[in-house]
């Protein structure tokens, strides 16, 4: 049994009041009977939603189960971790997401066992005029921030940015943010589902306003302007931080899964003949696909015309 062989994953799919259907129409994501496909958790071992192995010797196991049973498959950097380190998602915002913030590791407001959430976004599609909210227009005091939340003027203080496909944003925990209507993106983040909503446009869900988390948000929000990094024009590496490294690859390419980390491939585009090759295994790949290559698997290649987001830790 070749336990180090690449394996396809089936995403965990979620719906939301703001979610659309482009992941089903354009990325091959099964809606699983949901009313929309707001998010597809392509790589996840989170208790609230784990992706599932669909090829190879571990087919049928959730990634959460596999990480618990065989942590060595994921590399030496994961060996001392009590949880899988990252989540990779596709997110389709038909409507504006809430203005929200994520805590840092160790913030006092975190419940036991929860982690912080630094993340990054790679823009795949953007409707005309689509925008992202990121940080504040200028520095504000804690009192100003609290007052703006209380009187529903917080959006007057938030900075927003026009977006286009290919743009990239690194978002440290503590950054106030929101994905705007019409944006479809790939997200790589810490393995956390902790979100503090600050403002939700007075929107109702099932006849009642969605829960806000004002006190927690006031405790963790960075009250300074956000400084976006320039979107890389040519290089492969989009970001390399203490939690993950994200690269974009295009066309045919070769890669290496060393002993330190697994390699995850999120397929953003692929022609009908594209495939992943490893030893004598050939895996057809398609837009929206998710492939995990275990640590120590060595050399692999993508053949055909493909565009891929590659994540390691």
C-alpha atoms as a PDB file:
ATOM      1  CA  UNK A   1       0.000   0.000   0.000  1.00  0.00           C
ATOM      2  CA  UNK A   2       1.492   3.318  -1.114  1.00  0.00           C
ATOM      3  CA  UNK A   3       0.570   5.485   1.872  1.00  0.00           C
ATOM      4  CA  UNK A   4       2.527   8.454   0.531  1.00  0.00           C
ATOM      5  CA  UNK A   5       0.561   8.740  -2.696  1.00  0.00           C
ATOM      6  CA  UNK A   6      -1.361  11.930  -3.590  1.00  0.00           C
ATOM      7  CA  UNK A   7      -5.056  11.838  -2.757  1.00  0.00           C
ATOM      8  CA  UNK A   8      -8.073  13.765  -3.942  1.00  0.00           C
ATOM      9  CA  UNK A   9     -10.263  15.400  -1.311  1.00  0.00           C
ATOM     10  CA  UNK A  10     -13.976  16.195  -1.263  1.00  0.00           C
ATOM     11  CA  UNK A  11     -14.644  19.584   0.352  1.00  0.00           C
ATOM     12  CA  UNK A  12     -16.909  20.340   3.274  1.00  0.00           C
ATOM     13  CA  UNK A  13     -19.557  22.741   1.920  1.00  0.00           C
ATOM     14  CA  UNK A  14     -21.410  25.430   3.884  1.00  0.00           C
ATOM     15  CA  UNK A  15     -24.259  27.792   3.107  1.00  0.00           C
ATOM     16  CA  UNK A  16     -24.713  31.342   4.399  1.00  0.00           C
ATOM     17  CA  UNK A  17     -27.122  34.240   4.137  1.00  0.00           C
ATOM     18  CA  UNK A  18     -24.627  35.947   1.806  1.00  0.00           C
ATOM     19  CA  UNK A  19     -23.632  32.887  -0.277  1.00  0.00           C
ATOM     20  CA  UNK A  20     -23.947  32.370  -4.031  1.00  0.00           C
ATOM     21  CA  UNK A  21     -23.920  29.460  -6.459  1.00  0.00           C
ATOM     22  CA  UNK A  22     -20.821  30.102  -8.594  1.00  0.00           C
ATOM     23  CA  UNK A  23     -18.848  27.335  -6.858  1.00  0.00           C
ATOM     24  CA  UNK A  24     -21.413  24.842  -8.115  1.00  0.00           C
ATOM     25  CA  UNK A  25     -21.766  26.358 -11.586  1.00  0.00           C
ATOM     26  CA  UNK A  26     -18.113  27.030 -12.289  1.00  0.00           C
ATOM     27  CA  UNK A  27     -15.936  25.002  -9.895  1.00  0.00           C
ATOM     28  CA  UNK A  28     -17.635  21.617  -9.770  1.00  0.00           C
ATOM     29  CA  UNK A  29     -18.613  21.858  -6.091  1.00  0.00           C
ATOM     30  CA  UNK A  30     -21.504  19.570  -5.107  1.00  0.00           C
ATOM     31  CA  UNK A  31     -24.019  21.675  -3.122  1.00  0.00           C
ATOM     32  CA  UNK A  32     -24.934  18.620  -1.039  1.00  0.00           C
ATOM     33  CA  UNK A  33     -28.572  19.705  -0.953  1.00  0.00           C
ATOM     34  CA  UNK A  34     -27.816  23.170   0.458  1.00  0.00           C
ATOM     35  CA  UNK A  35     -29.549  26.305  -0.791  1.00  0.00           C
ATOM     36  CA  UNK A  36     -26.219  27.890  -1.775  1.00  0.00           C
ATOM     37  CA  UNK A  37     -22.517  27.105  -1.793  1.00  0.00           C
ATOM     38  CA  UNK A  38     -21.069  29.982   0.198  1.00  0.00           C
ATOM     39  CA  UNK A  39     -17.865  28.146   1.130  1.00  0.00           C
ATOM     40  CA  UNK A  40     -16.072  24.964   0.095  1.00  0.00           C
ATOM     41  CA  UNK A  41     -13.493  23.889   2.677  1.00  0.00           C
ATOM     42  CA  UNK A  42     -11.152  22.185   0.228  1.00  0.00           C
ATOM     43  CA  UNK A  43      -8.536  21.317   2.859  1.00  0.00           C
ATOM     44  CA  UNK A  44      -9.875  21.089   6.385  1.00  0.00           C
ATOM     45  CA  UNK A  45      -9.584  18.912   9.464  1.00  0.00           C
ATOM     46  CA  UNK A  46     -11.705  21.201  11.621  1.00  0.00           C
ATOM     47  CA  UNK A  47     -14.318  19.580  13.895  1.00  0.00           C
ATOM     48  CA  UNK A  48     -17.010  21.816  12.362  1.00  0.00           C
ATOM     49  CA  UNK A  49     -16.233  20.617   8.865  1.00  0.00           C
ATOM     50  CA  UNK A  50     -13.617  18.221   7.531  1.00  0.00           C
ATOM     51  CA  UNK A  51     -12.762  17.413   3.939  1.00  0.00           C
ATOM     52  CA  UNK A  52     -12.867  13.710   3.026  1.00  0.00           C
ATOM     53  CA  UNK A  53     -10.355  11.554   1.135  1.00  0.00           C
ATOM     54  CA  UNK A  54     -11.894  10.111  -2.054  1.00  0.00           C
ATOM     55  CA  UNK A  55      -8.959   8.295  -3.709  1.00  0.00           C
ATOM     56  CA  UNK A  56      -6.170   5.983  -2.566  1.00  0.00           C
ATOM     57  CA  UNK A  57      -5.788   3.739   0.470  1.00  0.00           C
ATOM     58  CA  UNK A  58      -7.471   6.188   2.859  1.00  0.00           C
ATOM     59  CA  UNK A  59     -10.590   6.780   0.754  1.00  0.00           C
ATOM     60  CA  UNK A  60     -13.634   7.405   2.928  1.00  0.00           C
ATOM     61  CA  UNK A  61     -11.712   8.833   5.883  1.00  0.00           C
ATOM     62  CA  UNK A  62     -12.127  12.439   6.912  1.00  0.00           C
ATOM     63  CA  UNK A  63      -8.974  14.514   7.036  1.00  0.00           C
ATOM     64  CA  UNK A  64      -9.618  15.043  10.744  1.00  0.00           C
ATOM     65  CA  UNK A  65      -9.572  11.262  11.274  1.00  0.00           C
ATOM     66  CA  UNK A  66      -6.494  10.813   9.108  1.00  0.00           C
ATOM     67  CA  UNK A  67      -4.509  13.512  10.903  1.00  0.00           C
ATOM     68  CA  UNK A  68      -5.344  11.965  14.276  1.00  0.00           C
ATOM     69  CA  UNK A  69      -4.407   8.451  13.162  1.00  0.00           C
ATOM     70  CA  UNK A  70      -1.402   9.149  10.920  1.00  0.00           C
ATOM     71  CA  UNK A  71       0.181  12.518  11.763  1.00  0.00           C
ATOM     72  CA  UNK A  72       3.397  11.403  10.043  1.00  0.00           C
ATOM     73  CA  UNK A  73       1.697  11.802   6.671  1.00  0.00           C
ATOM     74  CA  UNK A  74       1.680  15.556   7.183  1.00  0.00           C
ATOM     75  CA  UNK A  75       5.344  16.218   7.917  1.00  0.00           C
ATOM     76  CA  UNK A  76       7.749  16.961  10.719  1.00  0.00           C
ATOM     77  CA  UNK A  77       6.457  20.515  11.170  1.00  0.00           C
ATOM     78  CA  UNK A  78       3.038  19.087  12.058  1.00  0.00           C
ATOM     79  CA  UNK A  79       4.402  16.415  14.407  1.00  0.00           C
ATOM     80  CA  UNK A  80       4.112  18.503  17.576  1.00  0.00           C
ATOM     81  CA  UNK A  81       0.832  20.191  16.648  1.00  0.00           C
ATOM     82  CA  UNK A  82      -2.364  19.268  18.459  1.00  0.00           C
ATOM     83  CA  UNK A  83      -4.451  20.312  15.461  1.00  0.00           C
ATOM     84  CA  UNK A  84      -4.082  20.371  11.696  1.00  0.00           C
ATOM     85  CA  UNK A  85      -2.504  23.758  10.915  1.00  0.00           C
ATOM     86  CA  UNK A  86      -4.532  25.276   8.062  1.00  0.00           C
ATOM     87  CA  UNK A  87      -7.811  25.481   6.195  1.00  0.00           C
ATOM     88  CA  UNK A  88      -7.972  26.206   2.450  1.00  0.00           C
ATOM     89  CA  UNK A  89     -11.319  27.480   1.173  1.00  0.00           C
ATOM     90  CA  UNK A  90     -13.188  28.751  -1.842  1.00  0.00           C
ATOM     91  CA  UNK A  91     -15.625  31.556  -0.908  1.00  0.00           C
ATOM     92  CA  UNK A  92     -18.422  32.961  -3.081  1.00  0.00           C
ATOM     93  CA  UNK A  93     -19.931  36.225  -1.827  1.00  0.00           C
ATOM     94  CA  UNK A  94     -23.205  36.934  -3.626  1.00  0.00           C
ATOM     95  CA  UNK A  95     -23.909  39.577  -0.970  1.00  0.00           C
ATOM     96  CA  UNK A  96     -21.640  41.489   1.418  1.00  0.00           C
ATOM     97  CA  UNK A  97     -20.180  39.494   4.278  1.00  0.00           C
ATOM     98  CA  UNK A  98     -20.435  40.973   7.752  1.00  0.00           C
ATOM     99  CA  UNK A  99     -17.745  43.360   8.947  1.00  0.00           C
ATOM    100  CA  UNK A 100     -15.725  41.095  11.235  1.00  0.00           C
ATOM    101  CA  UNK A 101     -12.421  40.442  12.932  1.00  0.00           C
ATOM    102  CA  UNK A 102     -10.479  37.357  14.003  1.00  0.00           C
ATOM    103  CA  UNK A 103      -8.416  37.051  17.202  1.00  0.00           C
ATOM    104  CA  UNK A 104      -4.724  36.307  17.519  1.00  0.00           C
ATOM    105  CA  UNK A 105      -3.332  33.197  19.161  1.00  0.00           C
ATOM    106  CA  UNK A 106      -3.459  33.666  22.918  1.00  0.00           C
ATOM    107  CA  UNK A 107      -5.913  36.579  22.993  1.00  0.00           C
ATOM    108  CA  UNK A 108      -7.661  36.510  26.402  1.00  0.00           C
ATOM    109  CA  UNK A 109     -11.129  36.438  24.811  1.00  0.00           C
ATOM    110  CA  UNK A 110     -10.433  33.103  23.093  1.00  0.00           C
ATOM    111  CA  UNK A 111     -12.278  30.142  24.533  1.00  0.00           C
ATOM    112  CA  UNK A 112     -10.137  27.170  25.641  1.00  0.00           C
ATOM    113  CA  UNK A 113      -8.926  25.131  22.702  1.00  0.00           C
ATOM    114  CA  UNK A 114      -9.587  27.854  20.120  1.00  0.00           C
ATOM    115  CA  UNK A 115      -6.876  29.350  17.902  1.00  0.00           C
ATOM    116  CA  UNK A 116      -6.340  32.711  16.296  1.00  0.00           C
ATOM    117  CA  UNK A 117      -6.932  33.277  12.613  1.00  0.00           C
ATOM    118  CA  UNK A 118      -4.445  34.942  10.309  1.00  0.00           C
ATOM    119  CA  UNK A 119      -5.515  34.478   6.692  1.00  0.00           C
ATOM    120  CA  UNK A 120      -4.894  35.522   3.105  1.00  0.00           C
ATOM    121  CA  UNK A 121      -7.080  36.006   0.042  1.00  0.00           C
ATOM    122  CA  UNK A 122      -6.391  35.345  -3.640  1.00  0.00           C
ATOM    123  CA  UNK A 123      -9.056  36.942  -5.831  1.00  0.00           C
ATOM    124  CA  UNK A 124     -10.467  34.644  -8.522  1.00  0.00           C
ATOM    125  CA  UNK A 125     -13.501  36.590  -9.754  1.00  0.00           C
ATOM    126  CA  UNK A 126     -14.800  40.096  -9.098  1.00  0.00           C
ATOM    127  CA  UNK A 127     -17.952  41.724 -10.449  1.00  0.00           C
ATOM    128  CA  UNK A 128     -17.638  45.325 -11.706  1.00  0.00           C
ATOM    129  CA  UNK A 129     -17.310  47.636  -8.723  1.00  0.00           C
ATOM    130  CA  UNK A 130     -16.654  44.791  -6.255  1.00  0.00           C
ATOM    131  CA  UNK A 131     -14.671  45.804  -3.191  1.00  0.00           C
ATOM    132  CA  UNK A 132     -13.055  44.499  -0.021  1.00  0.00           C
ATOM    133  CA  UNK A 133     -13.161  46.200   3.382  1.00  0.00           C
ATOM    134  CA  UNK A 134      -9.810  46.006   5.151  1.00  0.00           C
ATOM    135  CA  UNK A 135      -8.795  47.922   8.245  1.00  0.00           C
ATOM    136  CA  UNK A 136      -9.548  51.550   9.009  1.00  0.00           C
ATOM    137  CA  UNK A 137      -9.165  54.749   6.992  1.00  0.00           C
ATOM    138  CA  UNK A 138      -7.126  56.278   9.803  1.00  0.00           C
ATOM    139  CA  UNK A 139      -6.142  55.580  13.377  1.00  0.00           C
ATOM    140  CA  UNK A 140      -9.037  55.766  15.853  1.00  0.00           C
ATOM    141  CA  UNK A 141      -9.197  55.538  19.617  1.00  0.00           C
ATOM    142  CA  UNK A 142     -10.889  52.738  21.510  1.00  0.00           C
ATOM    143  CA  UNK A 143     -13.620  55.205  22.508  1.00  0.00           C
ATOM    144  CA  UNK A 144     -14.220  56.281  18.895  1.00  0.00           C
ATOM    145  CA  UNK A 145     -14.345  52.660  17.769  1.00  0.00           C
ATOM    146  CA  UNK A 146     -16.868  51.735  20.462  1.00  0.00           C
ATOM    147  CA  UNK A 147     -19.030  54.785  19.705  1.00  0.00           C
ATOM    148  CA  UNK A 148     -19.065  54.061  15.957  1.00  0.00           C
ATOM    149  CA  UNK A 149     -20.242  50.503  16.604  1.00  0.00           C
ATOM    150  CA  UNK A 150     -22.921  51.708  19.023  1.00  0.00           C
ATOM    151  CA  UNK A 151     -24.420  54.278  16.637  1.00  0.00           C
ATOM    152  CA  UNK A 152     -24.084  52.131  13.455  1.00  0.00           C
ATOM    153  CA  UNK A 153     -21.564  54.467  11.789  1.00  0.00           C
ATOM    154  CA  UNK A 154     -18.644  52.031  11.847  1.00  0.00           C
ATOM    155  CA  UNK A 155     -18.643  51.652   8.048  1.00  0.00           C
ATOM    156  CA  UNK A 156     -17.757  55.358   7.795  1.00  0.00           C
ATOM    157  CA  UNK A 157     -14.389  54.518   9.370  1.00  0.00           C
ATOM    158  CA  UNK A 158     -13.578  51.381   7.361  1.00  0.00           C
ATOM    159  CA  UNK A 159     -11.190  51.439   4.387  1.00  0.00           C
ATOM    160  CA  UNK A 160     -12.273  49.709   1.174  1.00  0.00           C
ATOM    161  CA  UNK A 161     -10.342  48.620  -1.904  1.00  0.00           C
ATOM    162  CA  UNK A 162     -11.272  47.872  -5.511  1.00  0.00           C
ATOM    163  CA  UNK A 163     -10.351  44.311  -6.448  1.00  0.00           C
ATOM    164  CA  UNK A 164      -9.599  42.371  -9.613  1.00  0.00           C
ATOM    165  CA  UNK A 165      -8.748  38.739 -10.377  1.00  0.00           C
ATOM    166  CA  UNK A 166      -5.161  37.954  -9.414  1.00  0.00           C
ATOM    167  CA  UNK A 167      -5.041  40.398  -6.491  1.00  0.00           C
ATOM    168  CA  UNK A 168      -3.656  39.027  -3.230  1.00  0.00           C
ATOM    169  CA  UNK A 169      -4.157  40.245   0.344  1.00  0.00           C
ATOM    170  CA  UNK A 170      -2.462  39.050   3.527  1.00  0.00           C
ATOM    171  CA  UNK A 171      -4.704  39.697   6.535  1.00  0.00           C
ATOM    172  CA  UNK A 172      -3.122  39.399   9.985  1.00  0.00           C
ATOM    173  CA  UNK A 173      -5.382  38.439  12.873  1.00  0.00           C
ATOM    174  CA  UNK A 174      -6.842  41.578  14.426  1.00  0.00           C
ATOM    175  CA  UNK A 175      -7.594  43.218  11.062  1.00  0.00           C
ATOM    176  CA  UNK A 176     -11.166  44.448  10.585  1.00  0.00           C
ATOM    177  CA  UNK A 177     -12.405  43.089   7.243  1.00  0.00           C
ATOM    178  CA  UNK A 178     -15.295  42.097   4.974  1.00  0.00           C
ATOM    179  CA  UNK A 179     -15.596  40.467   1.560  1.00  0.00           C
ATOM    180  CA  UNK A 180     -17.842  42.523  -0.705  1.00  0.00           C
ATOM    181  CA  UNK A 181     -20.669  41.321  -2.923  1.00  0.00           C
ATOM    182  CA  UNK A 182     -19.520  39.902  -6.253  1.00  0.00           C
ATOM    183  CA  UNK A 183     -16.150  38.606  -5.045  1.00  0.00           C
ATOM    184  CA  UNK A 184     -15.125  34.962  -5.371  1.00  0.00           C
ATOM    185  CA  UNK A 185     -11.800  34.102  -3.768  1.00  0.00           C
ATOM    186  CA  UNK A 186      -9.521  31.408  -2.415  1.00  0.00           C
ATOM    187  CA  UNK A 187      -8.595  31.720   1.240  1.00  0.00           C
ATOM    188  CA  UNK A 188      -5.739  30.124   3.176  1.00  0.00           C
ATOM    189  CA  UNK A 189      -6.026  30.531   6.942  1.00  0.00           C
ATOM    190  CA  UNK A 190      -5.076  29.170  10.313  1.00  0.00           C
ATOM    191  CA  UNK A 191      -7.212  26.225  11.388  1.00  0.00           C
ATOM    192  CA  UNK A 192      -9.800  28.277  13.232  1.00  0.00           C
ATOM    193  CA  UNK A 193     -13.487  29.047  12.848  1.00  0.00           C
ATOM    194  CA  UNK A 194     -13.519  31.898  15.376  1.00  0.00           C
ATOM    195  CA  UNK A 195     -15.110  35.047  13.957  1.00  0.00           C
ATOM    196  CA  UNK A 196     -16.313  38.143  15.809  1.00  0.00           C
ATOM    197  CA  UNK A 197     -18.987  40.027  13.849  1.00  0.00           C
ATOM    198  CA  UNK A 198     -18.930  43.790  14.300  1.00  0.00           C
ATOM    199  CA  UNK A 199     -21.633  44.933  11.862  1.00  0.00           C
ATOM    200  CA  UNK A 200     -24.065  43.020   9.621  1.00  0.00           C
ATOM    201  CA  UNK A 201     -26.002  45.776   7.810  1.00  0.00           C
ATOM    202  CA  UNK A 202     -29.030  45.194  10.095  1.00  0.00           C
ATOM    203  CA  UNK A 203     -29.632  42.025   8.072  1.00  0.00           C
ATOM    204  CA  UNK A 204     -32.071  39.363   9.287  1.00  0.00           C
ATOM    205  CA  UNK A 205     -31.677  35.597   9.198  1.00  0.00           C
ATOM    206  CA  UNK A 206     -34.799  33.542   9.927  1.00  0.00           C
ATOM    207  CA  UNK A 207     -36.474  36.782  10.982  1.00  0.00           C
ATOM    208  CA  UNK A 208     -33.891  37.826  13.580  1.00  0.00           C
ATOM    209  CA  UNK A 209     -30.584  39.731  13.391  1.00  0.00           C
ATOM    210  CA  UNK A 210     -27.461  37.578  13.268  1.00  0.00           C
ATOM    211  CA  UNK A 211     -25.448  37.525  16.468  1.00  0.00           C
ATOM    212  CA  UNK A 212     -22.769  40.183  16.867  1.00  0.00           C
ATOM    213  CA  UNK A 213     -19.685  39.875  19.087  1.00  0.00           C
ATOM    214  CA  UNK A 214     -18.996  43.479  20.031  1.00  0.00           C
ATOM    215  CA  UNK A 215     -17.066  43.058  23.283  1.00  0.00           C
ATOM    216  CA  UNK A 216     -14.752  40.439  21.796  1.00  0.00           C
ATOM    217  CA  UNK A 217     -14.186  42.585  18.695  1.00  0.00           C
ATOM    218  CA  UNK A 218     -13.309  45.630  20.768  1.00  0.00           C
ATOM    219  CA  UNK A 219     -10.761  43.525  22.639  1.00  0.00           C
ATOM    220  CA  UNK A 220      -8.888  42.229  19.570  1.00  0.00           C
ATOM    221  CA  UNK A 221      -9.234  44.779  16.721  1.00  0.00           C
ATOM    222  CA  UNK A 222      -6.139  46.581  15.495  1.00  0.00           C
ATOM    223  CA  UNK A 223      -7.224  50.256  15.368  1.00  0.00           C
ATOM    224  CA  UNK A 224      -4.745  51.337  12.693  1.00  0.00           C
ATOM    225  CA  UNK A 225      -5.013  51.623   8.895  1.00  0.00           C
ATOM    226  CA  UNK A 226      -4.433  48.486   6.857  1.00  0.00           C
ATOM    227  CA  UNK A 227      -1.469  48.613   4.498  1.00  0.00           C
ATOM    228  CA  UNK A 228      -2.038  46.241   1.567  1.00  0.00           C
ATOM    229  CA  UNK A 229       1.008  44.551   0.110  1.00  0.00           C
ATOM    230  CA  UNK A 230       1.451  44.933  -3.641  1.00  0.00           C
ATOM    231  CA  UNK A 231       0.057  41.959  -5.528  1.00  0.00           C
ATOM    232  CA  UNK A 232       3.033  39.925  -6.809  1.00  0.00           C
ATOM    233  CA  UNK A 233       3.405  40.419 -10.543  1.00  0.00           C
ATOM    234  CA  UNK A 234       5.490  37.444 -11.517  1.00  0.00           C
ATOM    235  CA  UNK A 235       6.978  35.430  -8.671  1.00  0.00           C
ATOM    236  CA  UNK A 236       5.488  32.189  -7.447  1.00  0.00           C
ATOM    237  CA  UNK A 237       5.431  32.918  -3.702  1.00  0.00           C
ATOM    238  CA  UNK A 238       2.454  34.993  -2.594  1.00  0.00           C
ATOM    239  CA  UNK A 239       3.232  34.857   1.124  1.00  0.00           C
ATOM    240  CA  UNK A 240       5.378  33.003   3.621  1.00  0.00           C
ATOM    241  CA  UNK A 241       4.425  33.566   7.257  1.00  0.00           C
ATOM    242  CA  UNK A 242       4.744  31.591  10.465  1.00  0.00           C
ATOM    243  CA  UNK A 243       1.531  29.706   9.744  1.00  0.00           C
ATOM    244  CA  UNK A 244       1.651  28.835   6.022  1.00  0.00           C
ATOM    245  CA  UNK A 245       3.342  29.444   2.684  1.00  0.00           C
ATOM    246  CA  UNK A 246       1.206  30.055  -0.400  1.00  0.00           C
ATOM    247  CA  UNK A 247       2.408  29.921  -3.993  1.00  0.00           C
ATOM    248  CA  UNK A 248       0.695  30.204  -7.341  1.00  0.00           C
ATOM    249  CA  UNK A 249       1.770  28.011 -10.215  1.00  0.00           C
ATOM    250  CA  UNK A 250       0.692  28.001 -13.837  1.00  0.00           C
ATOM    251  CA  UNK A 251       0.998  25.734 -16.857  1.00  0.00           C
ATOM    252  CA  UNK A 252       2.878  22.454 -16.424  1.00  0.00           C
ATOM    253  CA  UNK A 253       5.260  22.349 -13.454  1.00  0.00           C
ATOM    254  CA  UNK A 254       7.123  20.038 -11.107  1.00  0.00           C
ATOM    255  CA  UNK A 255       7.130  20.149  -7.333  1.00  0.00           C
ATOM    256  CA  UNK A 256       8.577  18.406  -4.316  1.00  0.00           C
ATOM    257  CA  UNK A 257       6.876  17.146  -1.161  1.00  0.00           C
ATOM    258  CA  UNK A 258       9.681  17.012   1.390  1.00  0.00           C
ATOM    259  CA  UNK A 259       9.736  15.525   4.863  1.00  0.00           C
ATOM    260  CA  UNK A 260       8.852  18.823   6.560  1.00  0.00           C
ATOM    261  CA  UNK A 261       5.396  19.450   5.126  1.00  0.00           C
ATOM    262  CA  UNK A 262       2.544  18.113   3.062  1.00  0.00           C
ATOM    263  CA  UNK A 263       1.698  19.947  -0.174  1.00  0.00           C
ATOM    264  CA  UNK A 264      -1.865  20.969  -0.995  1.00  0.00           C
ATOM    265  CA  UNK A 265      -2.989  21.869  -4.500  1.00  0.00           C
ATOM    266  CA  UNK A 266      -6.172  23.876  -5.070  1.00  0.00           C
ATOM    267  CA  UNK A 267      -6.973  23.727  -8.783  1.00  0.00           C
ATOM    268  CA  UNK A 268      -8.079  27.152 -10.022  1.00  0.00           C
ATOM    269  CA  UNK A 269      -8.122  26.336 -13.752  1.00  0.00           C
ATOM    270  CA  UNK A 270      -7.361  23.181 -15.732  1.00  0.00           C
ATOM    271  CA  UNK A 271      -7.819  22.015 -19.301  1.00  0.00           C
ATOM    272  CA  UNK A 272      -9.539  18.704 -20.001  1.00  0.00           C
ATOM    273  CA  UNK A 273      -6.234  16.810 -20.281  1.00  0.00           C
ATOM    274  CA  UNK A 274      -4.594  18.173 -17.126  1.00  0.00           C
ATOM    275  CA  UNK A 275      -3.384  15.645 -14.576  1.00  0.00           C
ATOM    276  CA  UNK A 276      -1.186  15.204 -11.537  1.00  0.00           C
ATOM    277  CA  UNK A 277       1.615  12.671 -11.996  1.00  0.00           C
ATOM    278  CA  UNK A 278       3.422  10.833  -9.175  1.00  0.00           C
ATOM    279  CA  UNK A 279       5.415   7.666  -9.813  1.00  0.00           C
ATOM    280  CA  UNK A 280       2.984   5.436 -11.774  1.00  0.00           C
ATOM    281  CA  UNK A 281      -0.157   7.272 -10.597  1.00  0.00           C
ATOM    282  CA  UNK A 282      -2.064   9.666 -12.889  1.00  0.00           C
ATOM    283  CA  UNK A 283      -4.825  11.737 -11.296  1.00  0.00           C
ATOM    284  CA  UNK A 284      -7.016  13.814 -13.625  1.00  0.00           C
ATOM    285  CA  UNK A 285      -7.520  17.307 -12.231  1.00  0.00           C
ATOM    286  CA  UNK A 286     -10.295  19.825 -12.820  1.00  0.00           C
ATOM    287  CA  UNK A 287     -11.214  23.344 -11.763  1.00  0.00           C
ATOM    288  CA  UNK A 288     -12.183  23.422  -8.096  1.00  0.00           C
ATOM    289  CA  UNK A 289     -10.290  20.203  -7.329  1.00  0.00           C
ATOM    290  CA  UNK A 290      -8.347  19.596  -4.116  1.00  0.00           C
ATOM    291  CA  UNK A 291      -5.309  17.314  -3.892  1.00  0.00           C
ATOM    292  CA  UNK A 292      -3.230  16.503  -0.815  1.00  0.00           C
ATOM    293  CA  UNK A 293       0.312  15.224  -1.351  1.00  0.00           C
ATOM    294  CA  UNK A 294       1.697  13.667   1.857  1.00  0.00           C
ATOM    295  CA  UNK A 295       5.030  14.758   3.274  1.00  0.00           C
ATOM    296  CA  UNK A 296       7.933  12.711   1.972  1.00  0.00           C
ATOM    297  CA  UNK A 297       6.177  11.815  -1.279  1.00  0.00           C
ATOM    298  CA  UNK A 298       9.000  13.438  -3.230  1.00  0.00           C
ATOM    299  CA  UNK A 299       8.734  14.668  -6.782  1.00  0.00           C
ATOM    300  CA  UNK A 300       5.374  15.221  -8.458  1.00  0.00           C
ATOM    301  CA  UNK A 301       4.305  17.097 -11.562  1.00  0.00           C
ATOM    302  CA  UNK A 302       1.262  18.746 -13.055  1.00  0.00           C
ATOM    303  CA  UNK A 303       0.904  18.146 -16.764  1.00  0.00           C
ATOM    304  CA  UNK A 304      -1.317  20.240 -19.027  1.00  0.00           C
ATOM    305  CA  UNK A 305      -2.556  23.804 -18.833  1.00  0.00           C
ATOM    306  CA  UNK A 306      -3.448  24.397 -15.186  1.00  0.00           C
ATOM    307  CA  UNK A 307      -3.449  27.193 -12.643  1.00  0.00           C
ATOM    308  CA  UNK A 308      -2.878  26.081  -9.064  1.00  0.00           C
ATOM    309  CA  UNK A 309      -2.686  27.556  -5.563  1.00  0.00           C
ATOM    310  CA  UNK A 310      -0.067  25.554  -3.635  1.00  0.00           C
ATOM    311  CA  UNK A 311      -0.010  25.572   0.179  1.00  0.00           C
ATOM    312  CA  UNK A 312       2.583  24.179   2.612  1.00  0.00           C
ATOM    313  CA  UNK A 313       3.440  24.810   6.259  1.00  0.00           C
END
